Amino acid sequence: VERDTQRPRIIDLRGFSRLAIDATLGVTDLVETMHRNI
């Protein structure tokens, strides 16, 4: 906090982490479906 005056806001990190997690799960489902269909 003291050294980084332009630090990323922590609420942003939480939000982006949730999106990354949801995206990973979604892509996992997508690839698995394609694997089974082929």
Full PDB file with SEQRES, HELIX, SHEET, SSBOND, CRYST1, ORIGX, SCALE, CONECT and MASTER records, all heavy atoms in Angstrom:
SEQRES   1 A   38  VAL GLU ARG ASP THR GLN ARG PRO ARG ILE ILE ASP LEU          
SEQRES   2 A   38  ARG GLY PHE SER ARG LEU ALA ILE ASP ALA THR LEU GLY          
SEQRES   3 A   38  VAL THR ASP LEU VAL GLU THR MET HIS ARG ASN ILE              
HELIX    1 AA1 ILE A   10  ASN A   37  1                                  28    
CRYST1    1.000    1.000    1.000  90.00  90.00  90.00 P 1           1          
ORIGX1      1.000000  0.000000  0.000000        0.00000                         
ORIGX2      0.000000  1.000000  0.000000        0.00000                         
ORIGX3      0.000000  0.000000  1.000000        0.00000                         
SCALE1      1.000000  0.000000  0.000000        0.00000                         
SCALE2      0.000000  1.000000  0.000000        0.00000                         
SCALE3      0.000000  0.000000  1.000000        0.00000                         
ATOM      1  N   VAL A   1       0.829  -1.193   0.000  1.00  0.00           N  
ATOM      2  CA  VAL A   1       0.000   0.000   0.000  1.00  0.00           C  
ATOM      3  C   VAL A   1       0.872   1.256   0.000  1.00  0.00           C  
ATOM      4  O   VAL A   1       0.625   2.221  -0.706  1.00  0.00           O  
ATOM      5  CB  VAL A   1      -0.937   0.008   1.223  1.00  0.00           C  
ATOM      6  CG1 VAL A   1      -1.683   1.330   1.304  1.00  0.00           C  
ATOM      7  CG2 VAL A   1      -1.913  -1.150   1.142  1.00  0.00           C  
ATOM      8  N   GLU A   2       1.949   1.215   0.803  1.00  0.00           N  
ATOM      9  CA  GLU A   2       2.818   2.380   0.912  1.00  0.00           C  
ATOM     10  C   GLU A   2       3.658   2.590  -0.342  1.00  0.00           C  
ATOM     11  O   GLU A   2       3.868   3.705  -0.797  1.00  0.00           O  
ATOM     12  CB  GLU A   2       3.753   2.213   2.120  1.00  0.00           C  
ATOM     13  CG  GLU A   2       3.005   2.207   3.446  1.00  0.00           C  
ATOM     14  CD  GLU A   2       3.925   1.858   4.590  1.00  0.00           C  
ATOM     15  OE1 GLU A   2       5.141   1.690   4.341  1.00  0.00           O  
ATOM     16  OE2 GLU A   2       3.444   1.753   5.727  1.00  0.00           O  
ATOM     17  N   ARG A   3       4.129   1.510  -0.949  1.00  0.00           N  
ATOM     18  CA  ARG A   3       5.067   1.639  -2.052  1.00  0.00           C  
ATOM     19  C   ARG A   3       4.391   1.746  -3.411  1.00  0.00           C  
ATOM     20  O   ARG A   3       4.908   2.365  -4.319  1.00  0.00           O  
ATOM     21  CB  ARG A   3       6.017   0.427  -2.083  1.00  0.00           C  
ATOM     22  CG  ARG A   3       6.833   0.258  -0.814  1.00  0.00           C  
ATOM     23  CD  ARG A   3       7.741  -0.934  -0.975  1.00  0.00           C  
ATOM     24  NE  ARG A   3       8.339  -1.331   0.295  1.00  0.00           N  
ATOM     25  CZ  ARG A   3       9.187  -2.349   0.439  1.00  0.00           C  
ATOM     26  NH1 ARG A   3       9.538  -3.057  -0.608  1.00  0.00           N  
ATOM     27  NH2 ARG A   3       9.682  -2.649   1.615  1.00  0.00           N  
ATOM     28  N   ASP A   4       3.229   1.115  -3.547  1.00  0.00           N  
ATOM     29  CA  ASP A   4       2.605   1.035  -4.868  1.00  0.00           C  
ATOM     30  C   ASP A   4       1.401   1.964  -4.931  1.00  0.00           C  
ATOM     31  O   ASP A   4       0.285   1.571  -4.630  1.00  0.00           O  
ATOM     32  CB  ASP A   4       2.173  -0.403  -5.173  1.00  0.00           C  
ATOM     33  CG  ASP A   4       3.364  -1.333  -5.284  1.00  0.00           C  
ATOM     34  OD1 ASP A   4       4.490  -0.856  -5.126  1.00  0.00           O  
ATOM     35  OD2 ASP A   4       3.144  -2.528  -5.534  1.00  0.00           O  
ATOM     36  N   THR A   5       1.617   3.205  -5.347  1.00  0.00           N  
ATOM     37  CA  THR A   5       0.515   4.161  -5.397  1.00  0.00           C  
ATOM     38  C   THR A   5      -0.480   3.826  -6.492  1.00  0.00           C  
ATOM     39  O   THR A   5      -1.634   4.213  -6.427  1.00  0.00           O  
ATOM     40  CB  THR A   5       1.062   5.584  -5.626  1.00  0.00           C  
ATOM     41  OG1 THR A   5       1.848   5.576  -6.825  1.00  0.00           O  
ATOM     42  CG2 THR A   5       1.950   6.008  -4.467  1.00  0.00           C  
ATOM     43  N   GLN A   6      -0.036   3.091  -7.523  1.00  0.00           N  
ATOM     44  CA  GLN A   6      -0.929   2.709  -8.612  1.00  0.00           C  
ATOM     45  C   GLN A   6      -1.247   1.223  -8.547  1.00  0.00           C  
ATOM     46  O   GLN A   6      -1.394   0.556  -9.551  1.00  0.00           O  
ATOM     47  CB  GLN A   6      -0.271   3.030  -9.962  1.00  0.00           C  
ATOM     48  CG  GLN A   6       0.018   4.510 -10.176  1.00  0.00           C  
ATOM     49  CD  GLN A   6      -1.249   5.317 -10.228  1.00  0.00           C  
ATOM     50  OE1 GLN A   6      -2.251   4.849 -10.734  1.00  0.00           O  
ATOM     51  NE2 GLN A   6      -1.214   6.535  -9.709  1.00  0.00           N  
ATOM     52  N   ARG A   7      -1.365   0.682  -7.331  1.00  0.00           N  
ATOM     53  CA  ARG A   7      -1.592  -0.753  -7.147  1.00  0.00           C  
ATOM     54  C   ARG A   7      -2.941  -1.176  -7.732  1.00  0.00           C  
ATOM     55  O   ARG A   7      -3.858  -0.354  -7.792  1.00  0.00           O  
ATOM     56  CB  ARG A   7      -1.571  -1.100  -5.666  1.00  0.00           C  
ATOM     57  CG  ARG A   7      -2.719  -0.442  -4.903  1.00  0.00           C  
ATOM     58  CD  ARG A   7      -2.545  -0.584  -3.407  1.00  0.00           C  
ATOM     59  NE  ARG A   7      -3.658  -0.022  -2.699  1.00  0.00           N  
ATOM     60  CZ  ARG A   7      -3.850   1.263  -2.495  1.00  0.00           C  
ATOM     61  NH1 ARG A   7      -2.999   2.125  -2.991  1.00  0.00           N  
ATOM     62  NH2 ARG A   7      -4.899   1.699  -1.828  1.00  0.00           N  
ATOM     63  N   PRO A   8      -3.084  -2.417  -8.123  1.00  0.00           N  
ATOM     64  CA  PRO A   8      -4.396  -2.894  -8.571  1.00  0.00           C  
ATOM     65  C   PRO A   8      -5.352  -2.968  -7.393  1.00  0.00           C  
ATOM     66  O   PRO A   8      -4.953  -3.326  -6.291  1.00  0.00           O  
ATOM     67  CB  PRO A   8      -4.097  -4.284  -9.128  1.00  0.00           C  
ATOM     68  CG  PRO A   8      -2.856  -4.704  -8.423  1.00  0.00           C  
ATOM     69  CD  PRO A   8      -2.060  -3.456  -8.202  1.00  0.00           C  
ATOM     70  N   ARG A   9      -6.593  -2.603  -7.603  1.00  0.00           N  
ATOM     71  CA  ARG A   9      -7.579  -2.686  -6.527  1.00  0.00           C  
ATOM     72  C   ARG A   9      -7.874  -4.142  -6.235  1.00  0.00           C  
ATOM     73  O   ARG A   9      -8.051  -4.954  -7.124  1.00  0.00           O  
ATOM     74  CB  ARG A   9      -8.857  -1.957  -6.947  1.00  0.00           C  
ATOM     75  CG  ARG A   9      -8.658  -0.457  -7.027  1.00  0.00           C  
ATOM     76  CD  ARG A   9      -9.708   0.206  -7.889  1.00  0.00           C  
ATOM     77  NE  ARG A   9     -11.043  -0.262  -7.595  1.00  0.00           N  
ATOM     78  CZ  ARG A   9     -12.029   0.542  -7.186  1.00  0.00           C  
ATOM     79  NH1 ARG A   9     -11.817   1.802  -7.009  1.00  0.00           N  
ATOM     80  NH2 ARG A   9     -13.233   0.045  -6.973  1.00  0.00           N  
ATOM     81  N   ILE A  10      -7.967  -4.492  -4.960  1.00  0.00           N  
ATOM     82  CA  ILE A  10      -8.114  -5.886  -4.568  1.00  0.00           C  
ATOM     83  C   ILE A  10      -9.445  -6.455  -5.036  1.00  0.00           C  
ATOM     84  O   ILE A  10      -9.563  -7.637  -5.355  1.00  0.00           O  
ATOM     85  CB  ILE A  10      -7.956  -6.034  -3.045  1.00  0.00           C  
ATOM     86  CG1 ILE A  10      -7.581  -7.469  -2.708  1.00  0.00           C  
ATOM     87  CG2 ILE A  10      -9.214  -5.621  -2.313  1.00  0.00           C  
ATOM     88  CD1 ILE A  10      -6.240  -7.888  -3.243  1.00  0.00           C  
ATOM     89  N   ILE A  11     -10.491  -5.601  -5.130  1.00  0.00           N  
ATOM     90  CA  ILE A  11     -11.778  -6.101  -5.615  1.00  0.00           C  
ATOM     91  C   ILE A  11     -11.673  -6.510  -7.078  1.00  0.00           C  
ATOM     92  O   ILE A  11     -12.330  -7.431  -7.541  1.00  0.00           O  
ATOM     93  CB  ILE A  11     -12.884  -5.044  -5.411  1.00  0.00           C  
ATOM     94  CG1 ILE A  11     -14.269  -5.691  -5.572  1.00  0.00           C  
ATOM     95  CG2 ILE A  11     -12.697  -3.881  -6.365  1.00  0.00           C  
ATOM     96  CD1 ILE A  11     -15.388  -4.769  -5.175  1.00  0.00           C  
ATOM     97  N   ASP A  12     -10.770  -5.831  -7.833  1.00  0.00           N  
ATOM     98  CA  ASP A  12     -10.544  -6.211  -9.214  1.00  0.00           C  
ATOM     99  C   ASP A  12      -9.920  -7.594  -9.287  1.00  0.00           C  
ATOM    100  O   ASP A  12     -10.301  -8.429 -10.103  1.00  0.00           O  
ATOM    101  CB  ASP A  12      -9.603  -5.216  -9.893  1.00  0.00           C  
ATOM    102  CG  ASP A  12     -10.217  -3.831 -10.012  1.00  0.00           C  
ATOM    103  OD1 ASP A  12     -11.363  -3.673  -9.567  1.00  0.00           O  
ATOM    104  OD2 ASP A  12      -9.550  -2.946 -10.536  1.00  0.00           O  
ATOM    105  N   LEU A  13      -8.914  -7.858  -8.411  1.00  0.00           N  
ATOM    106  CA  LEU A  13      -8.257  -9.160  -8.423  1.00  0.00           C  
ATOM    107  C   LEU A  13      -9.254 -10.271  -8.118  1.00  0.00           C  
ATOM    108  O   LEU A  13      -9.236 -11.329  -8.734  1.00  0.00           O  
ATOM    109  CB  LEU A  13      -7.114  -9.179  -7.400  1.00  0.00           C  
ATOM    110  CG  LEU A  13      -5.950  -8.226  -7.686  1.00  0.00           C  
ATOM    111  CD1 LEU A  13      -4.955  -8.295  -6.545  1.00  0.00           C  
ATOM    112  CD2 LEU A  13      -5.279  -8.574  -8.995  1.00  0.00           C  
ATOM    113  N   ARG A  14     -10.127 -10.024  -7.145  1.00  0.00           N  
ATOM    114  CA  ARG A  14     -11.125 -11.047  -6.799  1.00  0.00           C  
ATOM    115  C   ARG A  14     -12.066 -11.292  -7.975  1.00  0.00           C  
ATOM    116  O   ARG A  14     -12.383 -12.431  -8.307  1.00  0.00           O  
ATOM    117  CB  ARG A  14     -11.930 -10.596  -5.586  1.00  0.00           C  
ATOM    118  CG  ARG A  14     -11.131 -10.495  -4.303  1.00  0.00           C  
ATOM    119  CD  ARG A  14     -12.030 -10.237  -3.121  1.00  0.00           C  
ATOM    120  NE  ARG A  14     -12.877 -11.384  -2.867  1.00  0.00           N  
ATOM    121  CZ  ARG A  14     -13.895 -11.363  -1.990  1.00  0.00           C  
ATOM    122  NH1 ARG A  14     -14.175 -10.264  -1.337  1.00  0.00           N  
ATOM    123  NH2 ARG A  14     -14.623 -12.437  -1.801  1.00  0.00           N  
ATOM    124  N   GLY A  15     -12.508 -10.202  -8.601  1.00  0.00           N  
ATOM    125  CA  GLY A  15     -13.430 -10.362  -9.718  1.00  0.00           C  
ATOM    126  C   GLY A  15     -12.806 -11.074 -10.886  1.00  0.00           C  
ATOM    127  O   GLY A  15     -13.401 -11.994 -11.465  1.00  0.00           O  
ATOM    128  N   PHE A  16     -11.571 -10.686 -11.253  1.00  0.00           N  
ATOM    129  CA  PHE A  16     -10.902 -11.336 -12.378  1.00  0.00           C  
ATOM    130  C   PHE A  16     -10.602 -12.793 -12.060  1.00  0.00           C  
ATOM    131  O   PHE A  16     -10.650 -13.651 -12.942  1.00  0.00           O  
ATOM    132  CB  PHE A  16      -9.613 -10.585 -12.729  1.00  0.00           C  
ATOM    133  CG  PHE A  16      -9.849  -9.349 -13.528  1.00  0.00           C  
ATOM    134  CD1 PHE A  16      -9.470  -8.106 -13.043  1.00  0.00           C  
ATOM    135  CD2 PHE A  16     -10.469  -9.407 -14.766  1.00  0.00           C  
ATOM    136  CE1 PHE A  16      -9.696  -6.954 -13.776  1.00  0.00           C  
ATOM    137  CE2 PHE A  16     -10.701  -8.252 -15.504  1.00  0.00           C  
ATOM    138  CZ  PHE A  16     -10.317  -7.028 -15.005  1.00  0.00           C  
ATOM    139  N   SER A  17     -10.273 -13.101 -10.796  1.00  0.00           N  
ATOM    140  CA  SER A  17      -9.987 -14.503 -10.452  1.00  0.00           C  
ATOM    141  C   SER A  17     -11.239 -15.354 -10.612  1.00  0.00           C  
ATOM    142  O   SER A  17     -11.175 -16.477 -11.095  1.00  0.00           O  
ATOM    143  CB  SER A  17      -9.453 -14.598  -9.013  1.00  0.00           C  
ATOM    144  OG  SER A  17     -10.470 -14.369  -8.065  1.00  0.00           O  
ATOM    145  N   ARG A  18     -12.401 -14.801 -10.224  1.00  0.00           N  
ATOM    146  CA  ARG A  18     -13.641 -15.560 -10.387  1.00  0.00           C  
ATOM    147  C   ARG A  18     -13.920 -15.834 -11.860  1.00  0.00           C  
ATOM    148  O   ARG A  18     -14.331 -16.932 -12.239  1.00  0.00           O  
ATOM    149  CB  ARG A  18     -14.810 -14.780  -9.781  1.00  0.00           C  
ATOM    150  CG  ARG A  18     -14.821 -14.759  -8.266  1.00  0.00           C  
ATOM    151  CD  ARG A  18     -16.104 -14.150  -7.784  1.00  0.00           C  
ATOM    152  NE  ARG A  18     -16.070 -13.875  -6.363  1.00  0.00           N  
ATOM    153  CZ  ARG A  18     -17.062 -13.280  -5.713  1.00  0.00           C  
ATOM    154  NH1 ARG A  18     -18.145 -12.919  -6.358  1.00  0.00           N  
ATOM    155  NH2 ARG A  18     -16.970 -13.048  -4.411  1.00  0.00           N  
ATOM    156  N   LEU A  19     -13.721 -14.801 -12.695  1.00  0.00           N  
ATOM    157  CA  LEU A  19     -13.956 -14.993 -14.122  1.00  0.00           C  
ATOM    158  C   LEU A  19     -13.015 -16.032 -14.698  1.00  0.00           C  
ATOM    159  O   LEU A  19     -13.400 -16.854 -15.532  1.00  0.00           O  
ATOM    160  CB  LEU A  19     -13.780 -13.663 -14.862  1.00  0.00           C  
ATOM    161  CG  LEU A  19     -14.883 -12.638 -14.666  1.00  0.00           C  
ATOM    162  CD1 LEU A  19     -14.525 -11.350 -15.389  1.00  0.00           C  
ATOM    163  CD2 LEU A  19     -16.218 -13.161 -15.160  1.00  0.00           C  
ATOM    164  N   ALA A  20     -11.747 -16.013 -14.254  1.00  0.00           N  
ATOM    165  CA  ALA A  20     -10.779 -16.981 -14.761  1.00  0.00           C  
ATOM    166  C   ALA A  20     -11.175 -18.394 -14.356  1.00  0.00           C  
ATOM    167  O   ALA A  20     -11.064 -19.346 -15.141  1.00  0.00           O  
ATOM    168  CB  ALA A  20      -9.385 -16.650 -14.233  1.00  0.00           C  
ATOM    169  N   ILE A  21     -11.642 -18.549 -13.130  1.00  0.00           N  
ATOM    170  CA  ILE A  21     -12.061 -19.864 -12.649  1.00  0.00           C  
ATOM    171  C   ILE A  21     -13.270 -20.368 -13.438  1.00  0.00           C  
ATOM    172  O   ILE A  21     -13.309 -21.499 -13.917  1.00  0.00           O  
ATOM    173  CB  ILE A  21     -12.409 -19.795 -11.154  1.00  0.00           C  
ATOM    174  CG1 ILE A  21     -11.141 -19.502 -10.348  1.00  0.00           C  
ATOM    175  CG2 ILE A  21     -13.044 -21.100 -10.671  1.00  0.00           C  
ATOM    176  CD1 ILE A  21     -11.433 -18.908  -8.996  1.00  0.00           C  
ATOM    177  N   ASP A  22     -14.268 -19.476 -13.599  1.00  0.00           N  
ATOM    178  CA  ASP A  22     -15.468 -19.863 -14.359  1.00  0.00           C  
ATOM    179  C   ASP A  22     -15.119 -20.197 -15.796  1.00  0.00           C  
ATOM    180  O   ASP A  22     -15.654 -21.134 -16.385  1.00  0.00           O  
ATOM    181  CB  ASP A  22     -16.498 -18.733 -14.325  1.00  0.00           C  
ATOM    182  CG  ASP A  22     -17.053 -18.511 -12.929  1.00  0.00           C  
ATOM    183  OD1 ASP A  22     -16.950 -19.435 -12.105  1.00  0.00           O  
ATOM    184  OD2 ASP A  22     -17.576 -17.418 -12.667  1.00  0.00           O  
ATOM    185  N   ALA A  23     -14.208 -19.413 -16.393  1.00  0.00           N  
ATOM    186  CA  ALA A  23     -13.805 -19.672 -17.775  1.00  0.00           C  
ATOM    187  C   ALA A  23     -13.099 -21.010 -17.895  1.00  0.00           C  
ATOM    188  O   ALA A  23     -13.321 -21.771 -18.844  1.00  0.00           O  
ATOM    189  CB  ALA A  23     -12.890 -18.550 -18.271  1.00  0.00           C  
ATOM    190  N   THR A  24     -12.228 -21.337 -16.910  1.00  0.00           N  
ATOM    191  CA  THR A  24     -11.518 -22.612 -16.945  1.00  0.00           C  
ATOM    192  C   THR A  24     -12.487 -23.778 -16.878  1.00  0.00           C  
ATOM    193  O   THR A  24     -12.372 -24.756 -17.620  1.00  0.00           O  
ATOM    194  CB  THR A  24     -10.520 -22.692 -15.774  1.00  0.00           C  
ATOM    195  OG1 THR A  24      -9.607 -21.598 -15.871  1.00  0.00           O  
ATOM    196  CG2 THR A  24      -9.736 -23.997 -15.816  1.00  0.00           C  
ATOM    197  N   LEU A  25     -13.470 -23.686 -15.993  1.00  0.00           N  
ATOM    198  CA  LEU A  25     -14.462 -24.764 -15.886  1.00  0.00           C  
ATOM    199  C   LEU A  25     -15.278 -24.870 -17.172  1.00  0.00           C  
ATOM    200  O   LEU A  25     -15.570 -25.974 -17.638  1.00  0.00           O  
ATOM    201  CB  LEU A  25     -15.387 -24.494 -14.699  1.00  0.00           C  
ATOM    202  CG  LEU A  25     -14.740 -24.640 -13.313  1.00  0.00           C  
ATOM    203  CD1 LEU A  25     -15.701 -24.158 -12.234  1.00  0.00           C  
ATOM    204  CD2 LEU A  25     -14.346 -26.093 -13.049  1.00  0.00           C  
ATOM    205  N   GLY A  26     -15.641 -23.704 -17.745  1.00  0.00           N  
ATOM    206  CA  GLY A  26     -16.418 -23.741 -18.984  1.00  0.00           C  
ATOM    207  C   GLY A  26     -15.651 -24.352 -20.129  1.00  0.00           C  
ATOM    208  O   GLY A  26     -16.185 -25.154 -20.901  1.00  0.00           O  
ATOM    209  N   VAL A  27     -14.374 -23.987 -20.274  1.00  0.00           N  
ATOM    210  CA  VAL A  27     -13.559 -24.553 -21.350  1.00  0.00           C  
ATOM    211  C   VAL A  27     -13.350 -26.043 -21.133  1.00  0.00           C  
ATOM    212  O   VAL A  27     -13.348 -26.836 -22.081  1.00  0.00           O  
ATOM    213  CB  VAL A  27     -12.206 -23.815 -21.436  1.00  0.00           C  
ATOM    214  CG1 VAL A  27     -11.261 -24.537 -22.383  1.00  0.00           C  
ATOM    215  CG2 VAL A  27     -12.418 -22.389 -21.917  1.00  0.00           C  
ATOM    216  N   THR A  28     -13.193 -26.463 -19.866  1.00  0.00           N  
ATOM    217  CA  THR A  28     -13.045 -27.891 -19.571  1.00  0.00           C  
ATOM    218  C   THR A  28     -14.271 -28.661 -20.048  1.00  0.00           C  
ATOM    219  O   THR A  28     -14.162 -29.709 -20.693  1.00  0.00           O  
ATOM    220  CB  THR A  28     -12.855 -28.112 -18.059  1.00  0.00           C  
ATOM    221  OG1 THR A  28     -11.676 -27.427 -17.638  1.00  0.00           O  
ATOM    222  CG2 THR A  28     -12.709 -29.601 -17.742  1.00  0.00           C  
ATOM    223  N   ASP A  29     -15.462 -28.142 -19.746  1.00  0.00           N  
ATOM    224  CA  ASP A  29     -16.693 -28.791 -20.203  1.00  0.00           C  
ATOM    225  C   ASP A  29     -16.763 -28.824 -21.720  1.00  0.00           C  
ATOM    226  O   ASP A  29     -17.164 -29.820 -22.327  1.00  0.00           O  
ATOM    227  CB  ASP A  29     -17.915 -28.045 -19.653  1.00  0.00           C  
ATOM    228  CG  ASP A  29     -18.084 -28.235 -18.153  1.00  0.00           C  
ATOM    229  OD1 ASP A  29     -17.487 -29.177 -17.604  1.00  0.00           O  
ATOM    230  OD2 ASP A  29     -18.820 -27.430 -17.554  1.00  0.00           O  
ATOM    231  N   LEU A  30     -16.380 -27.721 -22.357  1.00  0.00           N  
ATOM    232  CA  LEU A  30     -16.441 -27.644 -23.813  1.00  0.00           C  
ATOM    233  C   LEU A  30     -15.529 -28.674 -24.466  1.00  0.00           C  
ATOM    234  O   LEU A  30     -15.933 -29.407 -25.374  1.00  0.00           O  
ATOM    235  CB  LEU A  30     -16.053 -26.220 -24.244  1.00  0.00           C  
ATOM    236  CG  LEU A  30     -16.142 -25.856 -25.713  1.00  0.00           C  
ATOM    237  CD1 LEU A  30     -16.444 -24.371 -25.852  1.00  0.00           C  
ATOM    238  CD2 LEU A  30     -14.854 -26.167 -26.450  1.00  0.00           C  
ATOM    239  N   VAL A  31     -14.284 -28.753 -24.005  1.00  0.00           N  
ATOM    240  CA  VAL A  31     -13.323 -29.692 -24.590  1.00  0.00           C  
ATOM    241  C   VAL A  31     -13.765 -31.132 -24.354  1.00  0.00           C  
ATOM    242  O   VAL A  31     -13.653 -31.990 -25.234  1.00  0.00           O  
ATOM    243  CB  VAL A  31     -11.914 -29.449 -24.020  1.00  0.00           C  
ATOM    244  CG1 VAL A  31     -10.947 -30.513 -24.513  1.00  0.00           C  
ATOM    245  CG2 VAL A  31     -11.418 -28.069 -24.421  1.00  0.00           C  
ATOM    246  N   GLU A  32     -14.318 -31.386 -23.150  1.00  0.00           N  
ATOM    247  CA  GLU A  32     -14.762 -32.746 -22.857  1.00  0.00           C  
ATOM    248  C   GLU A  32     -15.907 -33.155 -23.789  1.00  0.00           C  
ATOM    249  O   GLU A  32     -15.943 -34.292 -24.290  1.00  0.00           O  
ATOM    250  CB  GLU A  32     -15.206 -32.865 -21.405  1.00  0.00           C  
ATOM    251  CG  GLU A  32     -15.620 -34.297 -21.044  1.00  0.00           C  
ATOM    252  CD  GLU A  32     -16.057 -34.425 -19.604  1.00  0.00           C  
ATOM    253  OE1 GLU A  32     -16.249 -33.391 -18.955  1.00  0.00           O  
ATOM    254  OE2 GLU A  32     -16.206 -35.557 -19.135  1.00  0.00           O  
ATOM    255  N   THR A  33     -16.837 -32.234 -24.035  1.00  0.00           N  
ATOM    256  CA  THR A  33     -17.950 -32.542 -24.934  1.00  0.00           C  
ATOM    257  C   THR A  33     -17.454 -32.833 -26.341  1.00  0.00           C  
ATOM    258  O   THR A  33     -17.893 -33.785 -27.003  1.00  0.00           O  
ATOM    259  CB  THR A  33     -18.948 -31.370 -24.958  1.00  0.00           C  
ATOM    260  OG1 THR A  33     -19.405 -31.110 -23.631  1.00  0.00           O  
ATOM    261  CG2 THR A  33     -20.136 -31.687 -25.848  1.00  0.00           C  
ATOM    262  N   MET A  34     -16.529 -32.004 -26.823  1.00  0.00           N  
ATOM    263  CA  MET A  34     -15.972 -32.233 -28.148  1.00  0.00           C  
ATOM    264  C   MET A  34     -15.262 -33.588 -28.206  1.00  0.00           C  
ATOM    265  O   MET A  34     -15.409 -34.341 -29.179  1.00  0.00           O  
ATOM    266  CB  MET A  34     -14.987 -31.117 -28.513  1.00  0.00           C  
ATOM    267  CG  MET A  34     -14.411 -31.253 -29.933  1.00  0.00           C  
ATOM    268  SD  MET A  34     -13.140 -30.025 -30.251  1.00  0.00           S  
ATOM    269  CE  MET A  34     -14.102 -28.550 -30.162  1.00  0.00           C  
ATOM    270  N   HIS A  35     -14.511 -33.922 -27.155  1.00  0.00           N  
ATOM    271  CA  HIS A  35     -13.793 -35.195 -27.093  1.00  0.00           C  
ATOM    272  C   HIS A  35     -14.776 -36.359 -27.227  1.00  0.00           C  
ATOM    273  O   HIS A  35     -14.570 -37.285 -28.008  1.00  0.00           O  
ATOM    274  CB  HIS A  35     -13.031 -35.287 -25.776  1.00  0.00           C  
ATOM    275  CG  HIS A  35     -12.093 -36.455 -25.702  1.00  0.00           C  
ATOM    276  ND1 HIS A  35     -10.879 -36.391 -25.070  1.00  0.00           N  
ATOM    277  CD2 HIS A  35     -12.194 -37.724 -26.162  1.00  0.00           C  
ATOM    278  CE1 HIS A  35     -10.268 -37.556 -25.149  1.00  0.00           C  
ATOM    279  NE2 HIS A  35     -11.060 -38.385 -25.801  1.00  0.00           N  
ATOM    280  N   ARG A  36     -15.863 -36.287 -26.479  1.00  0.00           N  
ATOM    281  CA  ARG A  36     -16.835 -37.392 -26.522  1.00  0.00           C  
ATOM    282  C   ARG A  36     -17.524 -37.475 -27.881  1.00  0.00           C  
ATOM    283  O   ARG A  36     -17.694 -38.562 -28.434  1.00  0.00           O  
ATOM    284  CB  ARG A  36     -17.875 -37.223 -25.418  1.00  0.00           C  
ATOM    285  CG  ARG A  36     -18.914 -38.343 -25.429  1.00  0.00           C  
ATOM    286  CD  ARG A  36     -19.830 -38.291 -24.238  1.00  0.00           C  
ATOM    287  NE  ARG A  36     -20.816 -39.356 -24.309  1.00  0.00           N  
ATOM    288  CZ  ARG A  36     -20.600 -40.615 -23.939  1.00  0.00           C  
ATOM    289  NH1 ARG A  36     -19.408 -40.973 -23.479  1.00  0.00           N  
ATOM    290  NH2 ARG A  36     -21.546 -41.526 -24.047  1.00  0.00           N  
ATOM    291  N   ASN A  37     -17.910 -36.324 -28.456  1.00  0.00           N  
ATOM    292  CA  ASN A  37     -18.611 -36.341 -29.739  1.00  0.00           C  
ATOM    293  C   ASN A  37     -17.740 -36.915 -30.846  1.00  0.00           C  
ATOM    294  O   ASN A  37     -18.209 -37.658 -31.710  1.00  0.00           O  
ATOM    295  CB  ASN A  37     -19.054 -34.921 -30.117  1.00  0.00           C  
ATOM    296  CG  ASN A  37     -20.249 -34.471 -29.302  1.00  0.00           C  
ATOM    297  OD1 ASN A  37     -20.987 -35.294 -28.767  1.00  0.00           O  
ATOM    298  ND2 ASN A  37     -20.427 -33.169 -29.188  1.00  0.00           N  
ATOM    299  N   ILE A  38     -16.440 -36.583 -30.845  1.00  0.00           N  
ATOM    300  CA  ILE A  38     -15.546 -37.116 -31.861  1.00  0.00           C  
ATOM    301  C   ILE A  38     -15.285 -38.597 -31.633  1.00  0.00           C  
ATOM    302  O   ILE A  38     -15.263 -39.410 -32.562  1.00  0.00           O  
ATOM    303  CB  ILE A  38     -14.220 -36.333 -31.873  1.00  0.00           C  
ATOM    304  CG1 ILE A  38     -14.492 -34.890 -32.332  1.00  0.00           C  
ATOM    305  CG2 ILE A  38     -13.198 -36.985 -32.786  1.00  0.00           C  
ATOM    306  CD1 ILE A  38     -13.279 -33.995 -32.262  1.00  0.00           C  
TER     307      ILE A  38                                                      
MASTER        0    0    0    1    0    0    0    6  306    1    0    3          
END                                                                             
